[in-house]
Amino acid sequence: MPIPEPDVSVAPGNVDKGAKIFKTKCAQCHNAEQGGKNGQGPNLWSIIGRESGQVAGFAYSAANKNSGIIWSDKHLEVYLQDPKKYMPGTKMVFAGLKKSEDRADLIAFLNSKK
């Protein structure tokens, strides 16, 4: 069953702070560069507006492939709080970002990668 877009607001974030968060919290599994390789997680270049589970060459969970999500700031705001709660069955082994400012900054960074 598709996961509907959440009715949440997303604060504006700081791209530079988001880049630092990406480097410390995400880069061990993900790449966010155009044409970058998949790692333990898929490449996140141009994730905003992309359908979940569609990066070529990455073995997604059924939960991710069947989520129906078109990644948006709102989906990421809730997903990044607790990925396993938002998308039960995901293979992502990340506890989440508890601070709303960190999520806003990371989302701003991901928005810059397109």
N, C-alpha and C. Protein backbone atom coordinates (compact mmCIF):
# COMPACT_ATOMS: atom_id res chain seq x y z
N MET A 1 0.84 -1.18 0.00
CA MET A 1 0.00 0.00 0.00
C MET A 1 0.90 1.25 0.00
N PRO A 2 0.65 2.19 -0.90
CA PRO A 2 1.49 3.38 -0.97
C PRO A 2 1.45 4.19 0.32
N ILE A 3 2.57 4.80 0.64
CA ILE A 3 2.66 5.67 1.81
C ILE A 3 2.30 7.08 1.35
N PRO A 4 1.20 7.65 1.86
CA PRO A 4 0.80 9.00 1.41
C PRO A 4 1.77 10.06 1.91
N GLU A 5 1.84 11.17 1.18
CA GLU A 5 2.71 12.26 1.62
C GLU A 5 2.19 12.81 2.94
N PRO A 6 3.07 12.94 3.93
CA PRO A 6 2.64 13.42 5.25
C PRO A 6 2.24 14.89 5.22
N ASP A 7 1.33 15.24 6.10
CA ASP A 7 0.89 16.63 6.24
C ASP A 7 1.75 17.28 7.33
N VAL A 8 2.98 17.62 6.95
CA VAL A 8 3.92 18.24 7.89
C VAL A 8 4.55 19.44 7.20
N SER A 9 5.10 20.33 8.00
CA SER A 9 5.86 21.43 7.42
C SER A 9 7.34 21.12 7.61
N VAL A 10 8.15 21.61 6.70
CA VAL A 10 9.59 21.39 6.75
C VAL A 10 10.25 22.77 6.84
N ALA A 11 11.00 22.96 7.90
CA ALA A 11 11.68 24.24 8.10
C ALA A 11 12.77 24.42 7.04
N PRO A 12 13.07 25.66 6.69
CA PRO A 12 14.21 25.88 5.79
C PRO A 12 15.50 25.44 6.49
N GLY A 13 16.40 24.87 5.74
CA GLY A 13 17.65 24.40 6.33
C GLY A 13 18.85 25.08 5.73
N ASN A 14 20.01 24.75 6.27
CA ASN A 14 21.27 25.31 5.83
C ASN A 14 22.04 24.23 5.07
N VAL A 15 22.32 24.49 3.79
CA VAL A 15 22.98 23.49 2.94
C VAL A 15 24.35 23.10 3.49
N ASP A 16 25.14 24.08 3.94
CA ASP A 16 26.48 23.77 4.44
C ASP A 16 26.43 22.90 5.70
N LYS A 17 25.51 23.22 6.60
CA LYS A 17 25.35 22.38 7.79
C LYS A 17 24.86 21.00 7.40
N GLY A 18 23.96 20.94 6.41
CA GLY A 18 23.46 19.66 5.92
C GLY A 18 24.57 18.81 5.30
N ALA A 19 25.52 19.45 4.62
CA ALA A 19 26.65 18.72 4.05
C ALA A 19 27.48 18.07 5.14
N LYS A 20 27.66 18.77 6.25
CA LYS A 20 28.41 18.20 7.38
C LYS A 20 27.66 17.03 8.00
N ILE A 21 26.33 17.16 8.12
CA ILE A 21 25.52 16.07 8.66
C ILE A 21 25.60 14.86 7.73
N PHE A 22 25.50 15.11 6.42
CA PHE A 22 25.60 14.02 5.45
C PHE A 22 26.94 13.29 5.61
N LYS A 23 28.01 14.06 5.74
CA LYS A 23 29.34 13.46 5.84
C LYS A 23 29.47 12.59 7.09
N THR A 24 28.89 13.04 8.21
CA THR A 24 29.05 12.29 9.46
C THR A 24 28.01 11.19 9.66
N LYS A 25 26.81 11.37 9.11
CA LYS A 25 25.72 10.42 9.39
C LYS A 25 25.33 9.54 8.21
N CYS A 26 25.65 9.97 6.98
CA CYS A 26 25.11 9.27 5.81
C CYS A 26 26.18 8.71 4.86
N ALA A 27 27.31 9.41 4.77
CA ALA A 27 28.30 9.10 3.72
C ALA A 27 28.94 7.72 3.87
N GLN A 28 28.87 7.12 5.06
CA GLN A 28 29.44 5.78 5.19
C GLN A 28 28.64 4.75 4.38
N CYS A 29 27.39 5.07 4.05
CA CYS A 29 26.55 4.15 3.27
C CYS A 29 26.08 4.73 1.94
N HIS A 30 25.98 6.04 1.85
CA HIS A 30 25.40 6.70 0.68
C HIS A 30 26.39 7.63 0.01
N ASN A 31 26.17 7.84 -1.29
CA ASN A 31 26.88 8.80 -2.11
C ASN A 31 25.83 9.80 -2.58
N ALA A 32 26.17 11.06 -2.70
CA ALA A 32 25.21 12.05 -3.19
C ALA A 32 25.76 12.81 -4.39
N GLU A 33 26.72 12.22 -5.09
CA GLU A 33 27.32 12.87 -6.25
C GLU A 33 26.72 12.31 -7.53
N GLN A 34 26.57 13.17 -8.53
CA GLN A 34 26.04 12.73 -9.81
C GLN A 34 26.93 11.64 -10.39
N GLY A 35 26.33 10.51 -10.73
CA GLY A 35 27.07 9.39 -11.28
C GLY A 35 27.83 8.58 -10.24
N GLY A 36 27.69 8.94 -8.95
CA GLY A 36 28.39 8.23 -7.89
C GLY A 36 27.87 6.81 -7.73
N LYS A 37 28.72 5.97 -7.21
CA LYS A 37 28.37 4.55 -7.03
C LYS A 37 27.45 4.35 -5.84
N ASN A 38 26.66 3.30 -5.91
CA ASN A 38 25.88 2.87 -4.76
C ASN A 38 26.84 2.27 -3.75
N GLY A 39 26.50 2.40 -2.49
CA GLY A 39 27.27 1.76 -1.44
C GLY A 39 26.37 0.76 -0.74
N GLN A 40 26.44 0.73 0.58
CA GLN A 40 25.49 -0.10 1.33
C GLN A 40 24.08 0.44 1.11
N GLY A 41 23.99 1.74 0.83
CA GLY A 41 22.73 2.38 0.47
C GLY A 41 22.84 2.93 -0.95
N PRO A 42 21.71 3.30 -1.55
CA PRO A 42 21.73 3.80 -2.93
C PRO A 42 22.30 5.22 -3.01
N ASN A 43 22.73 5.59 -4.21
CA ASN A 43 23.16 6.95 -4.48
C ASN A 43 21.95 7.87 -4.29
N LEU A 44 22.16 9.01 -3.63
CA LEU A 44 21.06 9.94 -3.32
C LEU A 44 21.06 11.18 -4.20
N TRP A 45 21.90 11.20 -5.26
CA TRP A 45 21.86 12.32 -6.19
C TRP A 45 20.45 12.45 -6.76
N SER A 46 19.90 13.63 -6.71
CA SER A 46 18.59 13.93 -7.29
C SER A 46 17.46 13.08 -6.69
N ILE A 47 17.54 12.84 -5.37
CA ILE A 47 16.51 12.03 -4.70
C ILE A 47 15.16 12.74 -4.67
N ILE A 48 15.16 14.07 -4.53
CA ILE A 48 13.90 14.81 -4.44
C ILE A 48 13.18 14.70 -5.78
N GLY A 49 11.95 14.20 -5.75
CA GLY A 49 11.16 14.01 -6.95
C GLY A 49 11.32 12.64 -7.58
N ARG A 50 12.17 11.80 -7.01
CA ARG A 50 12.40 10.46 -7.56
C ARG A 50 11.54 9.43 -6.83
N GLU A 51 11.07 8.46 -7.58
CA GLU A 51 10.28 7.39 -6.97
C GLU A 51 11.20 6.49 -6.13
N SER A 52 10.73 6.11 -4.98
CA SER A 52 11.49 5.26 -4.07
C SER A 52 11.78 3.90 -4.71
N GLY A 53 12.99 3.40 -4.47
CA GLY A 53 13.34 2.05 -4.92
C GLY A 53 13.72 1.96 -6.37
N GLN A 54 14.22 3.04 -6.99
CA GLN A 54 14.43 3.03 -8.43
C GLN A 54 15.86 3.26 -8.90
N VAL A 55 16.83 3.34 -8.00
CA VAL A 55 18.21 3.54 -8.46
C VAL A 55 18.73 2.23 -9.07
N ALA A 56 19.18 2.33 -10.31
CA ALA A 56 19.66 1.14 -11.03
C ALA A 56 20.82 0.50 -10.29
N GLY A 57 20.78 -0.82 -10.21
CA GLY A 57 21.88 -1.58 -9.64
C GLY A 57 21.86 -1.70 -8.13
N PHE A 58 20.83 -1.14 -7.47
CA PHE A 58 20.76 -1.27 -6.02
C PHE A 58 19.66 -2.26 -5.65
N ALA A 59 19.95 -3.16 -4.73
CA ALA A 59 18.99 -4.19 -4.30
C ALA A 59 18.14 -3.65 -3.14
N TYR A 60 17.04 -3.07 -3.48
CA TYR A 60 16.12 -2.50 -2.48
C TYR A 60 15.28 -3.57 -1.81
N SER A 61 14.79 -3.24 -0.62
CA SER A 61 13.81 -4.08 0.05
C SER A 61 12.48 -3.96 -0.69
N ALA A 62 11.63 -4.95 -0.54
CA ALA A 62 10.29 -4.88 -1.12
C ALA A 62 9.53 -3.69 -0.55
N ALA A 63 9.74 -3.40 0.73
CA ALA A 63 9.05 -2.27 1.37
C ALA A 63 9.39 -0.97 0.65
N ASN A 64 10.64 -0.79 0.30
CA ASN A 64 11.06 0.43 -0.37
C ASN A 64 10.53 0.47 -1.80
N LYS A 65 10.67 -0.64 -2.53
CA LYS A 65 10.22 -0.68 -3.92
C LYS A 65 8.71 -0.50 -4.03
N ASN A 66 7.97 -0.96 -3.04
CA ASN A 66 6.50 -0.93 -3.11
C ASN A 66 5.87 0.21 -2.32
N SER A 67 6.69 1.13 -1.81
CA SER A 67 6.16 2.20 -0.95
C SER A 67 5.31 3.21 -1.71
N GLY A 68 5.55 3.36 -3.01
CA GLY A 68 4.82 4.36 -3.78
C GLY A 68 5.27 5.78 -3.52
N ILE A 69 6.32 5.95 -2.74
CA ILE A 69 6.80 7.29 -2.38
C ILE A 69 7.48 7.95 -3.58
N ILE A 70 7.11 9.20 -3.80
CA ILE A 70 7.91 10.09 -4.63
C ILE A 70 8.58 11.00 -3.61
N TRP A 71 9.89 10.86 -3.46
CA TRP A 71 10.59 11.55 -2.39
C TRP A 71 10.40 13.06 -2.47
N SER A 72 10.01 13.62 -1.34
CA SER A 72 9.78 15.06 -1.20
C SER A 72 10.36 15.49 0.14
N ASP A 73 10.41 16.80 0.35
CA ASP A 73 10.85 17.31 1.64
C ASP A 73 10.00 16.73 2.77
N LYS A 74 8.69 16.64 2.54
CA LYS A 74 7.77 16.16 3.58
C LYS A 74 7.99 14.69 3.89
N HIS A 75 8.14 13.86 2.85
CA HIS A 75 8.43 12.44 3.10
C HIS A 75 9.74 12.30 3.86
N LEU A 76 10.78 13.03 3.43
CA LEU A 76 12.08 12.91 4.09
C LEU A 76 12.03 13.40 5.53
N GLU A 77 11.26 14.46 5.80
CA GLU A 77 11.13 14.98 7.16
C GLU A 77 10.68 13.88 8.12
N VAL A 78 9.70 13.09 7.72
CA VAL A 78 9.19 12.05 8.60
C VAL A 78 10.06 10.79 8.53
N TYR A 79 10.49 10.41 7.33
CA TYR A 79 11.35 9.24 7.17
C TYR A 79 12.63 9.35 7.99
N LEU A 80 13.25 10.52 7.95
CA LEU A 80 14.53 10.71 8.64
C LEU A 80 14.42 10.72 10.15
N GLN A 81 13.21 10.85 10.67
CA GLN A 81 13.03 10.76 12.12
C GLN A 81 13.22 9.33 12.61
N ASP A 82 12.70 8.37 11.84
CA ASP A 82 12.77 6.96 12.22
C ASP A 82 12.43 6.12 10.98
N PRO A 83 13.43 5.83 10.14
CA PRO A 83 13.17 5.13 8.87
C PRO A 83 12.39 3.83 9.02
N LYS A 84 12.71 3.02 10.01
CA LYS A 84 12.05 1.72 10.16
C LYS A 84 10.59 1.87 10.58
N LYS A 85 10.27 2.92 11.30
CA LYS A 85 8.87 3.17 11.68
C LYS A 85 8.08 3.68 10.48
N TYR A 86 8.69 4.58 9.70
CA TYR A 86 7.99 5.18 8.55
C TYR A 86 7.81 4.17 7.43
N MET A 87 8.81 3.31 7.23
CA MET A 87 8.76 2.32 6.16
C MET A 87 9.11 0.95 6.73
N PRO A 88 8.17 0.30 7.42
CA PRO A 88 8.45 -1.02 7.98
C PRO A 88 8.96 -1.98 6.90
N GLY A 89 10.06 -2.65 7.20
CA GLY A 89 10.64 -3.59 6.25
C GLY A 89 11.82 -3.01 5.48
N THR A 90 12.11 -1.71 5.65
CA THR A 90 13.26 -1.15 4.97
C THR A 90 14.55 -1.79 5.47
N LYS A 91 15.55 -1.86 4.60
CA LYS A 91 16.85 -2.42 5.00
C LYS A 91 17.75 -1.35 5.63
N MET A 92 17.31 -0.11 5.63
CA MET A 92 18.15 0.97 6.14
C MET A 92 18.35 0.82 7.64
N VAL A 93 19.60 0.71 8.05
CA VAL A 93 19.93 0.51 9.46
C VAL A 93 20.43 1.83 10.04
N PHE A 94 19.54 2.77 10.16
CA PHE A 94 19.85 4.10 10.67
C PHE A 94 18.76 4.47 11.66
N ALA A 95 19.18 4.88 12.85
CA ALA A 95 18.22 5.17 13.92
C ALA A 95 17.41 6.43 13.66
N GLY A 96 17.91 7.32 12.82
CA GLY A 96 17.19 8.54 12.51
C GLY A 96 17.85 9.77 13.11
N LEU A 97 17.35 10.92 12.68
CA LEU A 97 17.83 12.21 13.19
C LEU A 97 16.73 12.78 14.09
N LYS A 98 17.02 12.94 15.35
CA LYS A 98 16.01 13.37 16.31
C LYS A 98 15.77 14.88 16.29
N LYS A 99 16.79 15.67 15.92
CA LYS A 99 16.67 17.14 15.94
C LYS A 99 16.07 17.63 14.62
N SER A 100 14.99 18.41 14.73
CA SER A 100 14.34 18.93 13.52
C SER A 100 15.29 19.81 12.71
N GLU A 101 16.19 20.54 13.38
CA GLU A 101 17.14 21.39 12.66
C GLU A 101 18.09 20.54 11.81
N ASP A 102 18.52 19.40 12.35
CA ASP A 102 19.40 18.52 11.59
C ASP A 102 18.68 17.97 10.36
N ARG A 103 17.41 17.59 10.53
CA ARG A 103 16.65 17.09 9.38
C ARG A 103 16.48 18.18 8.33
N ALA A 104 16.15 19.39 8.76
CA ALA A 104 15.98 20.50 7.81
C ALA A 104 17.28 20.77 7.05
N ASP A 105 18.40 20.75 7.76
CA ASP A 105 19.69 21.00 7.11
C ASP A 105 20.03 19.88 6.13
N LEU A 106 19.80 18.63 6.51
CA LEU A 106 20.09 17.52 5.61
C LEU A 106 19.19 17.56 4.38
N ILE A 107 17.93 17.88 4.56
CA ILE A 107 16.99 17.99 3.43
C ILE A 107 17.43 19.12 2.50
N ALA A 108 17.87 20.24 3.07
CA ALA A 108 18.38 21.35 2.23
C ALA A 108 19.58 20.88 1.41
N PHE A 109 20.48 20.13 2.04
CA PHE A 109 21.64 19.59 1.32
C PHE A 109 21.19 18.67 0.18
N LEU A 110 20.28 17.75 0.48
CA LEU A 110 19.81 16.82 -0.56
C LEU A 110 19.12 17.55 -1.69
N ASN A 111 18.41 18.63 -1.38
CA ASN A 111 17.78 19.45 -2.41
C ASN A 111 18.82 20.12 -3.31
N SER A 112 20.01 20.34 -2.79
CA SER A 112 21.06 20.98 -3.59
C SER A 112 21.72 20.00 -4.54
N LYS A 113 21.46 18.72 -4.37
CA LYS A 113 22.11 17.67 -5.16
C LYS A 113 21.21 17.24 -6.31
N LYS A 114 21.14 18.10 -7.34
CA LYS A 114 20.33 17.78 -8.52
C LYS A 114 20.84 18.48 -9.74
